[in-house]
Amino acid sequence: MAHAAQTIDWFIDGAFRPDGFDVDFEAHEAKVRAITSLADARTWLAKAAENARQTIASKSDDEWAQPLPAGPVMGGLPRAAIFGAITDHTAHHRGALTVYARLRGRTPPMPYMDM
C-alpha cells in the first residue's frame, strides 16, 4: 500500500517537474520501506489521493495537454497520460492485495461494480 501511495505522488510530481520523473528508484524504495505499519500506509495513500485530486482540479486542460519532458518515463506524452498510468498501477496492486486477502480467507469488497 505504501508503494501505491508513493507512486501516486511520483506521477503527480513528475508531471510538473521540469526534468520529468525522478528516477532515483533506490531513494523511492527507501521511503516506502520506512513505512512499517498498515495505518501509516493507509494515511499516506489517503494523502496521496487527496493531493492528486487537488492537483488535477487546480490545473487547466491546456496544462494537462502539455508534453511531459523528454526522458525514459512517458517522455513526450501529454501530462494527462499520468491519469491512466495511476489507474493502471493502482489497480494492478489492488489486484495483488486481493489475491493475498483471499489466500487468507478474506473477500475484499469490489470497488468497481457488483459482480
PDB file of N, CA and C in Angstrom:
ATOM      1  N   MET A   1       0.815  -1.178   0.000  1.00  0.00           N
ATOM      2  CA  MET A   1       0.000   0.000   0.000  1.00  0.00           C
ATOM      3  C   MET A   1       0.873   1.262   0.000  1.00  0.00           C
ATOM      4  N   ALA A   2       1.964   1.241   0.730  1.00  0.00           N
ATOM      5  CA  ALA A   2       2.868   2.392   0.733  1.00  0.00           C
ATOM      6  C   ALA A   2       3.442   2.617  -0.661  1.00  0.00           C
ATOM      7  N   HIS A   3       3.749   1.541  -1.373  1.00  0.00           N
ATOM      8  CA  HIS A   3       4.270   1.668  -2.736  1.00  0.00           C
ATOM      9  C   HIS A   3       3.241   2.337  -3.647  1.00  0.00           C
ATOM     10  N   ALA A   4       1.977   1.960  -3.519  1.00  0.00           N
ATOM     11  CA  ALA A   4       0.932   2.587  -4.333  1.00  0.00           C
ATOM     12  C   ALA A   4       0.838   4.080  -4.022  1.00  0.00           C
ATOM     13  N   ALA A   5       0.911   4.433  -2.748  1.00  0.00           N
ATOM     14  CA  ALA A   5       0.866   5.840  -2.353  1.00  0.00           C
ATOM     15  C   ALA A   5       2.058   6.603  -2.918  1.00  0.00           C
ATOM     16  N   GLN A   6       3.238   6.028  -2.767  1.00  0.00           N
ATOM     17  CA  GLN A   6       4.450   6.679  -3.265  1.00  0.00           C
ATOM     18  C   GLN A   6       4.366   6.901  -4.769  1.00  0.00           C
ATOM     19  N   THR A   7       3.808   5.943  -5.475  1.00  0.00           N
ATOM     20  CA  THR A   7       3.755   6.058  -6.927  1.00  0.00           C
ATOM     21  C   THR A   7       2.753   7.116  -7.369  1.00  0.00           C
ATOM     22  N   ILE A   8       1.642   7.260  -6.658  1.00  0.00           N
ATOM     23  CA  ILE A   8       0.714   8.349  -6.983  1.00  0.00           C
ATOM     24  C   ILE A   8       1.437   9.685  -6.834  1.00  0.00           C
ATOM     25  N   ASP A   9       2.136   9.869  -5.712  1.00  0.00           N
ATOM     26  CA  ASP A   9       2.916  11.102  -5.518  1.00  0.00           C
ATOM     27  C   ASP A   9       3.933  11.278  -6.640  1.00  0.00           C
ATOM     28  N   TRP A  10       4.604  10.190  -7.015  1.00  0.00           N
ATOM     29  CA  TRP A  10       5.651  10.230  -8.038  1.00  0.00           C
ATOM     30  C   TRP A  10       5.089  10.674  -9.389  1.00  0.00           C
ATOM     31  N   PHE A  11       3.937  10.135  -9.776  1.00  0.00           N
ATOM     32  CA  PHE A  11       3.334  10.543 -11.047  1.00  0.00           C
ATOM     33  C   PHE A  11       2.925  12.010 -11.014  1.00  0.00           C
ATOM     34  N   ILE A  12       2.277  12.435  -9.939  1.00  0.00           N
ATOM     35  CA  ILE A  12       1.828  13.828  -9.844  1.00  0.00           C
ATOM     36  C   ILE A  12       3.028  14.772  -9.851  1.00  0.00           C
ATOM     37  N   ASP A  13       4.040  14.480  -9.042  1.00  0.00           N
ATOM     38  CA  ASP A  13       5.234  15.331  -9.004  1.00  0.00           C
ATOM     39  C   ASP A  13       5.941  15.344 -10.358  1.00  0.00           C
ATOM     40  N   GLY A  14       6.094  14.182 -10.960  1.00  0.00           N
ATOM     41  CA  GLY A  14       6.816  14.072 -12.223  1.00  0.00           C
ATOM     42  C   GLY A  14       6.149  14.791 -13.372  1.00  0.00           C
ATOM     43  N   ALA A  15       4.835  14.908 -13.322  1.00  0.00           N
ATOM     44  CA  ALA A  15       4.114  15.566 -14.409  1.00  0.00           C
ATOM     45  C   ALA A  15       4.484  17.038 -14.532  1.00  0.00           C
ATOM     46  N   PHE A  16       4.875  17.660 -13.430  1.00  0.00           N
ATOM     47  CA  PHE A  16       5.179  19.092 -13.454  1.00  0.00           C
ATOM     48  C   PHE A  16       6.622  19.408 -13.070  1.00  0.00           C
ATOM     49  N   ARG A  17       7.422  18.406 -12.890  1.00  0.00           N
ATOM     50  CA  ARG A  17       8.844  18.595 -12.580  1.00  0.00           C
ATOM     51  C   ARG A  17       9.561  18.955 -13.881  1.00  0.00           C
ATOM     52  N   PRO A  18      10.347  20.029 -13.915  1.00  0.00           N
ATOM     53  CA  PRO A  18      11.000  20.428 -15.169  1.00  0.00           C
ATOM     54  C   PRO A  18      11.837  19.322 -15.814  1.00  0.00           C
ATOM     55  N   ASP A  19      12.463  18.479 -14.992  1.00  0.00           N
ATOM     56  CA  ASP A  19      13.294  17.398 -15.534  1.00  0.00           C
ATOM     57  C   ASP A  19      12.513  16.108 -15.752  1.00  0.00           C
ATOM     58  N   GLY A  20      11.206  16.132 -15.534  1.00  0.00           N
ATOM     59  CA  GLY A  20      10.400  14.920 -15.683  1.00  0.00           C
ATOM     60  C   GLY A  20      10.435  14.092 -14.413  1.00  0.00           C
ATOM     61  N   PHE A  21      10.275  12.809 -14.584  1.00  0.00           N
ATOM     62  CA  PHE A  21      10.162  11.911 -13.437  1.00  0.00           C
ATOM     63  C   PHE A  21      11.510  11.648 -12.781  1.00  0.00           C
ATOM     64  N   ASP A  22      11.505  11.680 -11.457  1.00  0.00           N
ATOM     65  CA  ASP A  22      12.693  11.366 -10.661  1.00  0.00           C
ATOM     66  C   ASP A  22      12.905   9.855 -10.723  1.00  0.00           C
ATOM     67  N   VAL A  23      14.024   9.444 -11.284  1.00  0.00           N
ATOM     68  CA  VAL A  23      14.278   8.011 -11.463  1.00  0.00           C
ATOM     69  C   VAL A  23      15.281   7.463 -10.440  1.00  0.00           C
ATOM     70  N   ASP A  24      15.374   8.114  -9.293  1.00  0.00           N
ATOM     71  CA  ASP A  24      16.197   7.583  -8.206  1.00  0.00           C
ATOM     72  C   ASP A  24      15.351   6.561  -7.442  1.00  0.00           C
ATOM     73  N   PHE A  25      15.192   5.395  -8.049  1.00  0.00           N
ATOM     74  CA  PHE A  25      14.288   4.391  -7.502  1.00  0.00           C
ATOM     75  C   PHE A  25      14.770   3.826  -6.172  1.00  0.00           C
ATOM     76  N   GLU A  26      16.056   3.862  -5.914  1.00  0.00           N
ATOM     77  CA  GLU A  26      16.551   3.409  -4.608  1.00  0.00           C
ATOM     78  C   GLU A  26      16.035   4.323  -3.497  1.00  0.00           C
ATOM     79  N   ALA A  27      16.037   5.619  -3.749  1.00  0.00           N
ATOM     80  CA  ALA A  27      15.521   6.562  -2.752  1.00  0.00           C
ATOM     81  C   ALA A  27      14.022   6.366  -2.549  1.00  0.00           C
ATOM     82  N   HIS A  28      13.303   6.129  -3.633  1.00  0.00           N
ATOM     83  CA  HIS A  28      11.860   5.895  -3.519  1.00  0.00           C
ATOM     84  C   HIS A  28      11.584   4.623  -2.720  1.00  0.00           C
ATOM     85  N   GLU A  29      12.356   3.581  -2.997  1.00  0.00           N
ATOM     86  CA  GLU A  29      12.185   2.312  -2.278  1.00  0.00           C
ATOM     87  C   GLU A  29      12.484   2.489  -0.788  1.00  0.00           C
ATOM     88  N   ALA A  30      13.501   3.273  -0.466  1.00  0.00           N
ATOM     89  CA  ALA A  30      13.835   3.512   0.942  1.00  0.00           C
ATOM     90  C   ALA A  30      12.686   4.224   1.658  1.00  0.00           C
ATOM     91  N   LYS A  31      12.064   5.176   0.975  1.00  0.00           N
ATOM     92  CA  LYS A  31      10.938   5.891   1.574  1.00  0.00           C
ATOM     93  C   LYS A  31       9.769   4.936   1.830  1.00  0.00           C
ATOM     94  N   VAL A  32       9.513   4.047   0.878  1.00  0.00           N
ATOM     95  CA  VAL A  32       8.434   3.067   1.045  1.00  0.00           C
ATOM     96  C   VAL A  32       8.746   2.124   2.201  1.00  0.00           C
ATOM     97  N   ARG A  33       9.969   1.640   2.259  1.00  0.00           N
ATOM     98  CA  ARG A  33      10.350   0.682   3.308  1.00  0.00           C
ATOM     99  C   ARG A  33      10.360   1.313   4.704  1.00  0.00           C
ATOM    100  N   ALA A  34      10.409   2.636   4.769  1.00  0.00           N
ATOM    101  CA  ALA A  34      10.365   3.309   6.068  1.00  0.00           C
ATOM    102  C   ALA A  34       8.969   3.236   6.696  1.00  0.00           C
ATOM    103  N   ILE A  35       7.977   2.934   5.897  1.00  0.00           N
ATOM    104  CA  ILE A  35       6.610   2.770   6.411  1.00  0.00           C
ATOM    105  C   ILE A  35       6.498   1.363   6.983  1.00  0.00           C
ATOM    106  N   THR A  36       6.208   1.277   8.274  1.00  0.00           N
ATOM    107  CA  THR A  36       6.239  -0.034   8.935  1.00  0.00           C
ATOM    108  C   THR A  36       4.888  -0.486   9.476  1.00  0.00           C
ATOM    109  N   SER A  37       3.839   0.306   9.232  1.00  0.00           N
ATOM    110  CA  SER A  37       2.522  -0.125   9.709  1.00  0.00           C
ATOM    111  C   SER A  37       1.484   0.095   8.616  1.00  0.00           C
ATOM    112  N   LEU A  38       0.453  -0.721   8.661  1.00  0.00           N
ATOM    113  CA  LEU A  38      -0.647  -0.573   7.716  1.00  0.00           C
ATOM    114  C   LEU A  38      -1.336   0.771   7.912  1.00  0.00           C
ATOM    115  N   ALA A  39      -1.454   1.209   9.142  1.00  0.00           N
ATOM    116  CA  ALA A  39      -2.092   2.502   9.416  1.00  0.00           C
ATOM    117  C   ALA A  39      -1.326   3.638   8.747  1.00  0.00           C
ATOM    118  N   ASP A  40      -0.004   3.620   8.844  1.00  0.00           N
ATOM    119  CA  ASP A  40       0.801   4.661   8.199  1.00  0.00           C
ATOM    120  C   ASP A  40       0.683   4.589   6.683  1.00  0.00           C
ATOM    121  N   ALA A  41       0.647   3.386   6.139  1.00  0.00           N
ATOM    122  CA  ALA A  41       0.500   3.228   4.691  1.00  0.00           C
ATOM    123  C   ALA A  41      -0.857   3.758   4.232  1.00  0.00           C
ATOM    124  N   ARG A  42      -1.907   3.461   4.985  1.00  0.00           N
ATOM    125  CA  ARG A  42      -3.243   3.957   4.637  1.00  0.00           C
ATOM    126  C   ARG A  42      -3.294   5.482   4.700  1.00  0.00           C
ATOM    127  N   THR A  43      -2.664   6.050   5.717  1.00  0.00           N
ATOM    128  CA  THR A  43      -2.631   7.508   5.843  1.00  0.00           C
ATOM    129  C   THR A  43      -1.930   8.126   4.641  1.00  0.00           C
ATOM    130  N   TRP A  44      -0.793   7.561   4.257  1.00  0.00           N
ATOM    131  CA  TRP A  44      -0.047   8.074   3.107  1.00  0.00           C
ATOM    132  C   TRP A  44      -0.891   7.950   1.840  1.00  0.00           C
ATOM    133  N   LEU A  45      -1.556   6.823   1.653  1.00  0.00           N
ATOM    134  CA  LEU A  45      -2.376   6.628   0.458  1.00  0.00           C
ATOM    135  C   LEU A  45      -3.510   7.649   0.407  1.00  0.00           C
ATOM    136  N   ALA A  46      -4.157   7.901   1.526  1.00  0.00           N
ATOM    137  CA  ALA A  46      -5.237   8.892   1.555  1.00  0.00           C
ATOM    138  C   ALA A  46      -4.708  10.284   1.220  1.00  0.00           C
ATOM    139  N   LYS A  47      -3.546  10.639   1.772  1.00  0.00           N
ATOM    140  CA  LYS A  47      -2.947  11.948   1.480  1.00  0.00           C
ATOM    141  C   LYS A  47      -2.530  12.047   0.020  1.00  0.00           C
ATOM    142  N   ALA A  48      -1.954  10.983  -0.522  1.00  0.00           N
ATOM    143  CA  ALA A  48      -1.530  10.987  -1.927  1.00  0.00           C
ATOM    144  C   ALA A  48      -2.733  11.149  -2.850  1.00  0.00           C
ATOM    145  N   ALA A  49      -3.816  10.443  -2.543  1.00  0.00           N
ATOM    146  CA  ALA A  49      -5.022  10.544  -3.367  1.00  0.00           C
ATOM    147  C   ALA A  49      -5.619  11.945  -3.292  1.00  0.00           C
ATOM    148  N   GLU A  50      -5.663  12.516  -2.105  1.00  0.00           N
ATOM    149  CA  GLU A  50      -6.204  13.869  -1.957  1.00  0.00           C
ATOM    150  C   GLU A  50      -5.318  14.887  -2.671  1.00  0.00           C
ATOM    151  N   ASN A  51      -4.007  14.764  -2.550  1.00  0.00           N
ATOM    152  CA  ASN A  51      -3.096  15.656  -3.263  1.00  0.00           C
ATOM    153  C   ASN A  51      -3.296  15.526  -4.773  1.00  0.00           C
ATOM    154  N   ALA A  52      -3.468  14.311  -5.253  1.00  0.00           N
ATOM    155  CA  ALA A  52      -3.698  14.104  -6.686  1.00  0.00           C
ATOM    156  C   ALA A  52      -4.995  14.785  -7.115  1.00  0.00           C
ATOM    157  N   ARG A  53      -6.070  14.600  -6.345  1.00  0.00           N
ATOM    158  CA  ARG A  53      -7.349  15.243  -6.681  1.00  0.00           C
ATOM    159  C   ARG A  53      -7.203  16.761  -6.742  1.00  0.00           C
ATOM    160  N   GLN A  54      -6.526  17.325  -5.745  1.00  0.00           N
ATOM    161  CA  GLN A  54      -6.359  18.780  -5.711  1.00  0.00           C
ATOM    162  C   GLN A  54      -5.501  19.268  -6.875  1.00  0.00           C
ATOM    163  N   THR A  55      -4.436  18.556  -7.169  1.00  0.00           N
ATOM    164  CA  THR A  55      -3.559  18.959  -8.272  1.00  0.00           C
ATOM    165  C   THR A  55      -4.295  18.873  -9.598  1.00  0.00           C
ATOM    166  N   ILE A  56      -5.008  17.784  -9.811  1.00  0.00           N
ATOM    167  CA  ILE A  56      -5.755  17.616 -11.061  1.00  0.00           C
ATOM    168  C   ILE A  56      -6.766  18.744 -11.226  1.00  0.00           C
ATOM    169  N   ALA A  57      -7.489  19.064 -10.168  1.00  0.00           N
ATOM    170  CA  ALA A  57      -8.508  20.112 -10.237  1.00  0.00           C
ATOM    171  C   ALA A  57      -7.911  21.498 -10.436  1.00  0.00           C
ATOM    172  N   SER A  58      -6.698  21.712  -9.949  1.00  0.00           N
ATOM    173  CA  SER A  58      -6.102  23.050  -9.996  1.00  0.00           C
ATOM    174  C   SER A  58      -5.441  23.386 -11.329  1.00  0.00           C
ATOM    175  N   LYS A  59      -5.257  22.408 -12.186  1.00  0.00           N
ATOM    176  CA  LYS A  59      -4.574  22.636 -13.467  1.00  0.00           C
ATOM    177  C   LYS A  59      -5.593  22.749 -14.594  1.00  0.00           C
ATOM    178  N   SER A  60      -5.261  23.568 -15.574  1.00  0.00           N
ATOM    179  CA  SER A  60      -6.156  23.753 -16.722  1.00  0.00           C
ATOM    180  C   SER A  60      -5.997  22.610 -17.723  1.00  0.00           C
ATOM    181  N   ASP A  61      -6.964  22.497 -18.614  1.00  0.00           N
ATOM    182  CA  ASP A  61      -6.863  21.497 -19.678  1.00  0.00           C
ATOM    183  C   ASP A  61      -5.606  21.727 -20.513  1.00  0.00           C
ATOM    184  N   ASP A  62      -5.268  22.995 -20.744  1.00  0.00           N
ATOM    185  CA  ASP A  62      -4.055  23.301 -21.515  1.00  0.00           C
ATOM    186  C   ASP A  62      -2.801  22.796 -20.806  1.00  0.00           C
ATOM    187  N   GLU A  63      -2.756  22.948 -19.481  1.00  0.00           N
ATOM    188  CA  GLU A  63      -1.598  22.450 -18.733  1.00  0.00           C
ATOM    189  C   GLU A  63      -1.491  20.932 -18.831  1.00  0.00           C
ATOM    190  N   TRP A  64      -2.627  20.239 -18.762  1.00  0.00           N
ATOM    191  CA  TRP A  64      -2.608  18.779 -18.852  1.00  0.00           C
ATOM    192  C   TRP A  64      -2.282  18.298 -20.260  1.00  0.00           C
ATOM    193  N   ALA A  65      -2.516  19.144 -21.260  1.00  0.00           N
ATOM    194  CA  ALA A  65      -2.221  18.764 -22.650  1.00  0.00           C
ATOM    195  C   ALA A  65      -0.749  18.949 -23.003  1.00  0.00           C
ATOM    196  N   GLN A  66      -0.008  19.689 -22.184  1.00  0.00           N
ATOM    197  CA  GLN A  66       1.412  19.922 -22.464  1.00  0.00           C
ATOM    198  C   GLN A  66       2.191  18.612 -22.379  1.00  0.00           C
ATOM    199  N   PRO A  67       3.235  18.479 -23.205  1.00  0.00           N
ATOM    200  CA  PRO A  67       4.004  17.226 -23.171  1.00  0.00           C
ATOM    201  C   PRO A  67       4.879  17.123 -21.922  1.00  0.00           C
ATOM    202  N   LEU A  68       5.031  15.894 -21.471  1.00  0.00           N
ATOM    203  CA  LEU A  68       5.999  15.610 -20.414  1.00  0.00           C
ATOM    204  C   LEU A  68       7.396  15.806 -20.983  1.00  0.00           C
ATOM    205  N   PRO A  69       8.369  16.172 -20.147  1.00  0.00           N
ATOM    206  CA  PRO A  69       9.734  16.330 -20.645  1.00  0.00           C
ATOM    207  C   PRO A  69      10.253  15.034 -21.269  1.00  0.00           C
ATOM    208  N   ALA A  70      11.144  15.188 -22.227  1.00  0.00           N
ATOM    209  CA  ALA A  70      11.781  14.012 -22.833  1.00  0.00           C
ATOM    210  C   ALA A  70      12.485  13.229 -21.738  1.00  0.00           C
ATOM    211  N   GLY A  71      12.437  11.941 -21.843  1.00  0.00           N
ATOM    212  CA  GLY A  71      13.089  11.104 -20.840  1.00  0.00           C
ATOM    213  C   GLY A  71      12.602   9.681 -20.940  1.00  0.00           C
ATOM    214  N   PRO A  72      13.111   8.834 -20.073  1.00  0.00           N
ATOM    215  CA  PRO A  72      12.799   7.409 -20.173  1.00  0.00           C
ATOM    216  C   PRO A  72      11.390   7.032 -19.711  1.00  0.00           C
ATOM    217  N   VAL A  73      10.718   7.931 -18.998  1.00  0.00           N
ATOM    218  CA  VAL A  73       9.384   7.613 -18.482  1.00  0.00           C
ATOM    219  C   VAL A  73       8.357   8.532 -19.141  1.00  0.00           C
ATOM    220  N   MET A  74       7.616   8.005 -20.070  1.00  0.00           N
ATOM    221  CA  MET A  74       6.500   8.692 -20.721  1.00  0.00           C
ATOM    222  C   MET A  74       6.910   9.984 -21.426  1.00  0.00           C
ATOM    223  N   GLY A  75       8.182  10.133 -21.742  1.00  0.00           N
ATOM    224  CA  GLY A  75       8.682  11.351 -22.365  1.00  0.00           C
ATOM    225  C   GLY A  75       7.910  11.724 -23.622  1.00  0.00           C
ATOM    226  N   GLY A  76       7.445  12.968 -23.674  1.00  0.00           N
ATOM    227  CA  GLY A  76       6.751  13.483 -24.836  1.00  0.00           C
ATOM    228  C   GLY A  76       5.247  13.262 -24.834  1.00  0.00           C
ATOM    229  N   LEU A  77       4.750  12.378 -23.996  1.00  0.00           N
ATOM    230  CA  LEU A  77       3.300  12.175 -23.913  1.00  0.00           C
ATOM    231  C   LEU A  77       2.661  13.367 -23.207  1.00  0.00           C
ATOM    232  N   PRO A  78       1.386  13.618 -23.436  1.00  0.00           N
ATOM    233  CA  PRO A  78       0.737  14.692 -22.691  1.00  0.00           C
ATOM    234  C   PRO A  78       0.724  14.376 -21.193  1.00  0.00           C
ATOM    235  N   ARG A  79       0.804  15.414 -20.403  1.00  0.00           N
ATOM    236  CA  ARG A  79       0.787  15.210 -18.946  1.00  0.00           C
ATOM    237  C   ARG A  79      -0.410  14.370 -18.505  1.00  0.00           C
ATOM    238  N   ALA A  80      -1.530  14.527 -19.174  1.00  0.00           N
ATOM    239  CA  ALA A  80      -2.742  13.791 -18.801  1.00  0.00           C
ATOM    240  C   ALA A  80      -2.567  12.282 -18.911  1.00  0.00           C
ATOM    241  N   ALA A  81      -1.530  11.822 -19.572  1.00  0.00           N
ATOM    242  CA  ALA A  81      -1.282  10.378 -19.674  1.00  0.00           C
ATOM    243  C   ALA A  81      -1.043   9.753 -18.302  1.00  0.00           C
ATOM    244  N   ILE A  82      -0.683  10.571 -17.318  1.00  0.00           N
ATOM    245  CA  ILE A  82      -0.473  10.005 -15.979  1.00  0.00           C
ATOM    246  C   ILE A  82      -1.769   9.502 -15.365  1.00  0.00           C
ATOM    247  N   PHE A  83      -2.922   9.999 -15.828  1.00  0.00           N
ATOM    248  CA  PHE A  83      -4.193   9.540 -15.251  1.00  0.00           C
ATOM    249  C   PHE A  83      -4.353   8.039 -15.452  1.00  0.00           C
ATOM    250  N   GLY A  84      -4.141   7.595 -16.678  1.00  0.00           N
ATOM    251  CA  GLY A  84      -4.234   6.165 -16.966  1.00  0.00           C
ATOM    252  C   GLY A  84      -3.155   5.379 -16.262  1.00  0.00           C
ATOM    253  N   ALA A  85      -1.955   5.956 -16.186  1.00  0.00           N
ATOM    254  CA  ALA A  85      -0.844   5.262 -15.529  1.00  0.00           C
ATOM    255  C   ALA A  85      -1.126   5.062 -14.040  1.00  0.00           C
ATOM    256  N   ILE A  86      -1.655   6.086 -13.382  1.00  0.00           N
ATOM    257  CA  ILE A  86      -2.001   5.958 -11.963  1.00  0.00           C
ATOM    258  C   ILE A  86      -3.089   4.900 -11.783  1.00  0.00           C
ATOM    259  N   THR A  87      -4.107   4.961 -12.616  1.00  0.00           N
ATOM    260  CA  THR A  87      -5.210   3.997 -12.514  1.00  0.00           C
ATOM    261  C   THR A  87      -4.716   2.574 -12.728  1.00  0.00           C
ATOM    262  N   ASP A  88      -3.943   2.364 -13.793  1.00  0.00           N
ATOM    263  CA  ASP A  88      -3.445   1.014 -14.096  1.00  0.00           C
ATOM    264  C   ASP A  88      -2.546   0.483 -12.984  1.00  0.00           C
ATOM    265  N   HIS A  89      -1.643   1.321 -12.502  1.00  0.00           N
ATOM    266  CA  HIS A  89      -0.699   0.885 -11.480  1.00  0.00           C
ATOM    267  C   HIS A  89      -1.424   0.557 -10.172  1.00  0.00           C
ATOM    268  N   THR A  90      -2.350   1.421  -9.776  1.00  0.00           N
ATOM    269  CA  THR A  90      -3.079   1.193  -8.535  1.00  0.00           C
ATOM    270  C   THR A  90      -3.960  -0.051  -8.640  1.00  0.00           C
ATOM    271  N   ALA A  91      -4.611  -0.232  -9.783  1.00  0.00           N
ATOM    272  CA  ALA A  91      -5.451  -1.423  -9.980  1.00  0.00           C
ATOM    273  C   ALA A  91      -4.608  -2.695  -9.950  1.00  0.00           C
ATOM    274  N   HIS A  92      -3.432  -2.632 -10.536  1.00  0.00           N
ATOM    275  CA  HIS A  92      -2.527  -3.788 -10.527  1.00  0.00           C
ATOM    276  C   HIS A  92      -2.218  -4.213  -9.090  1.00  0.00           C
ATOM    277  N   HIS A  93      -1.868  -3.257  -8.251  1.00  0.00           N
ATOM    278  CA  HIS A  93      -1.515  -3.596  -6.873  1.00  0.00           C
ATOM    279  C   HIS A  93      -2.741  -3.937  -6.032  1.00  0.00           C
ATOM    280  N   ARG A  94      -3.873  -3.338  -6.326  1.00  0.00           N
ATOM    281  CA  ARG A  94      -5.088  -3.734  -5.616  1.00  0.00           C
ATOM    282  C   ARG A  94      -5.411  -5.189  -5.941  1.00  0.00           C
ATOM    283  N   GLY A  95      -5.208  -5.579  -7.187  1.00  0.00           N
ATOM    284  CA  GLY A  95      -5.429  -6.975  -7.565  1.00  0.00           C
ATOM    285  C   GLY A  95      -4.528  -7.922  -6.794  1.00  0.00           C
ATOM    286  N   ALA A  96      -3.267  -7.540  -6.650  1.00  0.00           N
ATOM    287  CA  ALA A  96      -2.336  -8.384  -5.888  1.00  0.00           C
ATOM    288  C   ALA A  96      -2.778  -8.491  -4.429  1.00  0.00           C
ATOM    289  N   LEU A  97      -3.188  -7.377  -3.839  1.00  0.00           N
ATOM    290  CA  LEU A  97      -3.652  -7.408  -2.448  1.00  0.00           C
ATOM    291  C   LEU A  97      -4.922  -8.245  -2.301  1.00  0.00           C
ATOM    292  N   THR A  98      -5.766  -8.224  -3.321  1.00  0.00           N
ATOM    293  CA  THR A  98      -6.979  -9.043  -3.294  1.00  0.00           C
ATOM    294  C   THR A  98      -6.631 -10.524  -3.253  1.00  0.00           C
ATOM    295  N   VAL A  99      -5.649 -10.921  -4.047  1.00  0.00           N
ATOM    296  CA  VAL A  99      -5.207 -12.321  -4.034  1.00  0.00           C
ATOM    297  C   VAL A  99      -4.699 -12.695  -2.643  1.00  0.00           C
ATOM    298  N   TYR A 100      -3.861 -11.850  -2.065  1.00  0.00           N
ATOM    299  CA  TYR A 100      -3.330 -12.141  -0.731  1.00  0.00           C
ATOM    300  C   TYR A 100      -4.456 -12.263   0.294  1.00  0.00           C
ATOM    301  N   ALA A 101      -5.436 -11.351   0.226  1.00  0.00           N
ATOM    302  CA  ALA A 101      -6.554 -11.397   1.172  1.00  0.00           C
ATOM    303  C   ALA A 101      -7.345 -12.692   1.010  1.00  0.00           C
ATOM    304  N   ARG A 102      -7.601 -13.083  -0.220  1.00  0.00           N
ATOM    305  CA  ARG A 102      -8.368 -14.315  -0.453  1.00  0.00           C
ATOM    306  C   ARG A 102      -7.605 -15.547   0.007  1.00  0.00           C
ATOM    307  N   LEU A 103      -6.295 -15.530  -0.138  1.00  0.00           N
ATOM    308  CA  LEU A 103      -5.498 -16.651   0.357  1.00  0.00           C
ATOM    309  C   LEU A 103      -5.605 -16.783   1.878  1.00  0.00           C
ATOM    310  N   ARG A 104      -5.928 -15.680   2.527  1.00  0.00           N
ATOM    311  CA  ARG A 104      -6.091 -15.695   3.986  1.00  0.00           C
ATOM    312  C   ARG A 104      -7.562 -15.841   4.386  1.00  0.00           C
ATOM    313  N   GLY A 105      -8.415 -16.181   3.413  1.00  0.00           N
ATOM    314  CA  GLY A 105      -9.814 -16.426   3.719  1.00  0.00           C
ATOM    315  C   GLY A 105     -10.700 -15.199   3.772  1.00  0.00           C
ATOM    316  N   ARG A 106     -10.217 -14.065   3.326  1.00  0.00           N
ATOM    317  CA  ARG A 106     -10.995 -12.818   3.321  1.00  0.00           C
ATOM    318  C   ARG A 106     -11.488 -12.544   1.910  1.00  0.00           C
ATOM    319  N   THR A 107     -12.645 -11.922   1.790  1.00  0.00           N
ATOM    320  CA  THR A 107     -13.160 -11.499   0.490  1.00  0.00           C
ATOM    321  C   THR A 107     -13.303  -9.984   0.518  1.00  0.00           C
ATOM    322  N   PRO A 108     -12.383  -9.272  -0.120  1.00  0.00           N
ATOM    323  CA  PRO A 108     -12.458  -7.811  -0.101  1.00  0.00           C
ATOM    324  C   PRO A 108     -13.622  -7.313  -0.961  1.00  0.00           C
ATOM    325  N   PRO A 109     -14.151  -6.134  -0.639  1.00  0.00           N
ATOM    326  CA  PRO A 109     -15.238  -5.585  -1.449  1.00  0.00           C
ATOM    327  C   PRO A 109     -14.743  -5.229  -2.851  1.00  0.00           C
ATOM    328  N   MET A 110     -15.630  -5.336  -3.811  1.00  0.00           N
ATOM    329  CA  MET A 110     -15.304  -4.968  -5.188  1.00  0.00           C
ATOM    330  C   MET A 110     -15.613  -3.480  -5.365  1.00  0.00           C
ATOM    331  N   PRO A 111     -14.617  -2.642  -5.639  1.00  0.00           N
ATOM    332  CA  PRO A 111     -14.851  -1.199  -5.679  1.00  0.00           C
ATOM    333  C   PRO A 111     -15.434  -0.694  -6.996  1.00  0.00           C
ATOM    334  N   TYR A 112     -15.467  -1.523  -8.012  1.00  0.00           N
ATOM    335  CA  TYR A 112     -15.806  -1.017  -9.341  1.00  0.00           C
ATOM    336  C   TYR A 112     -17.248  -1.295  -9.736  1.00  0.00           C
ATOM    337  N   MET A 113     -17.807  -2.436  -9.298  1.00  0.00           N
ATOM    338  CA  MET A 113     -19.182  -2.799  -9.638  1.00  0.00           C
ATOM    339  C   MET A 113     -19.551  -4.051  -8.863  1.00  0.00           C
ATOM    340  N   ASP A 114     -20.835  -4.312  -8.792  1.00  0.00           N
ATOM    341  CA  ASP A 114     -21.261  -5.577  -8.187  1.00  0.00           C
ATOM    342  C   ASP A 114     -20.972  -6.698  -9.163  1.00  0.00           C
ATOM    343  N   MET A 115     -20.402  -7.775  -8.653  1.00  0.00           N
ATOM    344  CA  MET A 115     -20.088  -8.907  -9.520  1.00  0.00           C
ATOM    345  C   MET A 115     -20.641 -10.172  -8.907  1.00  0.00           C
TER     346      MET A 115
END
